[in-house]
């Protein structure tokens, strides 16, 4: 089973392989935030509820910035 941090690391790797654009830069920034949050969760620094709330917040901000 894939960990959250591995999922976001793979996403980061895919995004960095694409040509640079403002949308890509925004997605990269959010992926870094998600990766950091996932690592905190996996290190038991935050609980599952905090992780879910933080992920939702980051994703909501991304959607707002991409509009």
C-alpha atoms as a PDB file:
ATOM      1  CA  UNK A   1       0.000   0.000   0.000  1.00  0.00           C
ATOM      2  CA  UNK A   2       1.245   3.457  -0.952  1.00  0.00           C
ATOM      3  CA  UNK A   3       1.839   5.922   1.872  1.00  0.00           C
ATOM      4  CA  UNK A   4       0.505   9.455   1.573  1.00  0.00           C
ATOM      5  CA  UNK A   5       4.019  10.859   1.442  1.00  0.00           C
ATOM      6  CA  UNK A   6       4.966   8.477  -1.385  1.00  0.00           C
ATOM      7  CA  UNK A   7       1.824   9.463  -3.292  1.00  0.00           C
ATOM      8  CA  UNK A   8       2.681  13.164  -3.010  1.00  0.00           C
ATOM      9  CA  UNK A   9       6.351  12.479  -3.823  1.00  0.00           C
ATOM     10  CA  UNK A  10       5.290  10.726  -7.040  1.00  0.00           C
ATOM     11  CA  UNK A  11       2.963  13.626  -7.848  1.00  0.00           C
ATOM     12  CA  UNK A  12       5.816  16.072  -7.270  1.00  0.00           C
ATOM     13  CA  UNK A  13       8.098  14.053  -9.570  1.00  0.00           C
ATOM     14  CA  UNK A  14       5.462  14.020 -12.325  1.00  0.00           C
ATOM     15  CA  UNK A  15       4.842  17.773 -12.000  1.00  0.00           C
ATOM     16  CA  UNK A  16       8.534  18.656 -12.177  1.00  0.00           C
ATOM     17  CA  UNK A  17       8.801  16.710 -15.443  1.00  0.00           C
ATOM     18  CA  UNK A  18       6.213  18.965 -17.109  1.00  0.00           C
ATOM     19  CA  UNK A  19       6.983  22.274 -18.829  1.00  0.00           C
ATOM     20  CA  UNK A  20       6.907  25.181 -16.409  1.00  0.00           C
ATOM     21  CA  UNK A  21       3.725  27.225 -16.136  1.00  0.00           C
ATOM     22  CA  UNK A  22       1.955  29.297 -13.511  1.00  0.00           C
ATOM     23  CA  UNK A  23      -0.601  26.512 -12.984  1.00  0.00           C
ATOM     24  CA  UNK A  24       2.175  23.931 -12.619  1.00  0.00           C
ATOM     25  CA  UNK A  25       4.032  26.152 -10.134  1.00  0.00           C
ATOM     26  CA  UNK A  26       0.860  26.473  -8.057  1.00  0.00           C
ATOM     27  CA  UNK A  27       0.329  22.714  -8.099  1.00  0.00           C
ATOM     28  CA  UNK A  28       3.974  22.117  -7.156  1.00  0.00           C
ATOM     29  CA  UNK A  29       3.681  24.499  -4.214  1.00  0.00           C
ATOM     30  CA  UNK A  30       0.572  22.690  -2.993  1.00  0.00           C
ATOM     31  CA  UNK A  31       2.160  19.272  -3.503  1.00  0.00           C
ATOM     32  CA  UNK A  32       5.089  20.317  -1.309  1.00  0.00           C
ATOM     33  CA  UNK A  33       2.624  21.416   1.395  1.00  0.00           C
ATOM     34  CA  UNK A  34       0.744  18.121   1.102  1.00  0.00           C
ATOM     35  CA  UNK A  35       3.977  16.127   1.232  1.00  0.00           C
ATOM     36  CA  UNK A  36       5.068  17.965   4.371  1.00  0.00           C
ATOM     37  CA  UNK A  37       1.671  17.384   5.989  1.00  0.00           C
ATOM     38  CA  UNK A  38       1.764  13.689   5.050  1.00  0.00           C
ATOM     39  CA  UNK A  39       5.191  13.297   6.625  1.00  0.00           C
ATOM     40  CA  UNK A  40       3.938  14.917   9.848  1.00  0.00           C
ATOM     41  CA  UNK A  41       1.008  12.501   9.890  1.00  0.00           C
ATOM     42  CA  UNK A  42       3.216   9.473   9.239  1.00  0.00           C
ATOM     43  CA  UNK A  43       5.569  10.618  12.034  1.00  0.00           C
ATOM     44  CA  UNK A  44       2.545  10.847  14.384  1.00  0.00           C
ATOM     45  CA  UNK A  45       3.045  14.591  14.808  1.00  0.00           C
ATOM     46  CA  UNK A  46      -0.587  15.149  13.798  1.00  0.00           C
ATOM     47  CA  UNK A  47      -3.555  12.787  13.993  1.00  0.00           C
ATOM     48  CA  UNK A  48      -5.763  11.520  11.162  1.00  0.00           C
ATOM     49  CA  UNK A  49      -8.384  14.211  11.747  1.00  0.00           C
ATOM     50  CA  UNK A  50      -5.782  16.993  11.631  1.00  0.00           C
ATOM     51  CA  UNK A  51      -4.277  15.454   8.505  1.00  0.00           C
ATOM     52  CA  UNK A  52      -7.655  15.298   6.767  1.00  0.00           C
ATOM     53  CA  UNK A  53      -8.472  18.892   7.748  1.00  0.00           C
ATOM     54  CA  UNK A  54      -5.107  20.168   6.534  1.00  0.00           C
ATOM     55  CA  UNK A  55      -5.390  18.271   3.236  1.00  0.00           C
ATOM     56  CA  UNK A  56      -8.858  19.714   2.663  1.00  0.00           C
ATOM     57  CA  UNK A  57      -7.616  23.226   3.437  1.00  0.00           C
ATOM     58  CA  UNK A  58      -4.655  22.920   1.039  1.00  0.00           C
ATOM     59  CA  UNK A  59      -6.846  21.455  -1.731  1.00  0.00           C
ATOM     60  CA  UNK A  60      -9.467  24.194  -1.266  1.00  0.00           C
ATOM     61  CA  UNK A  61      -6.794  26.867  -1.542  1.00  0.00           C
ATOM     62  CA  UNK A  62      -5.433  25.234  -4.692  1.00  0.00           C
ATOM     63  CA  UNK A  63      -8.856  25.194  -6.345  1.00  0.00           C
ATOM     64  CA  UNK A  64      -9.382  28.859  -5.465  1.00  0.00           C
ATOM     65  CA  UNK A  65      -5.997  29.846  -6.904  1.00  0.00           C
ATOM     66  CA  UNK A  66      -6.555  27.921 -10.143  1.00  0.00           C
ATOM     67  CA  UNK A  67      -9.854  29.668 -10.916  1.00  0.00           C
END
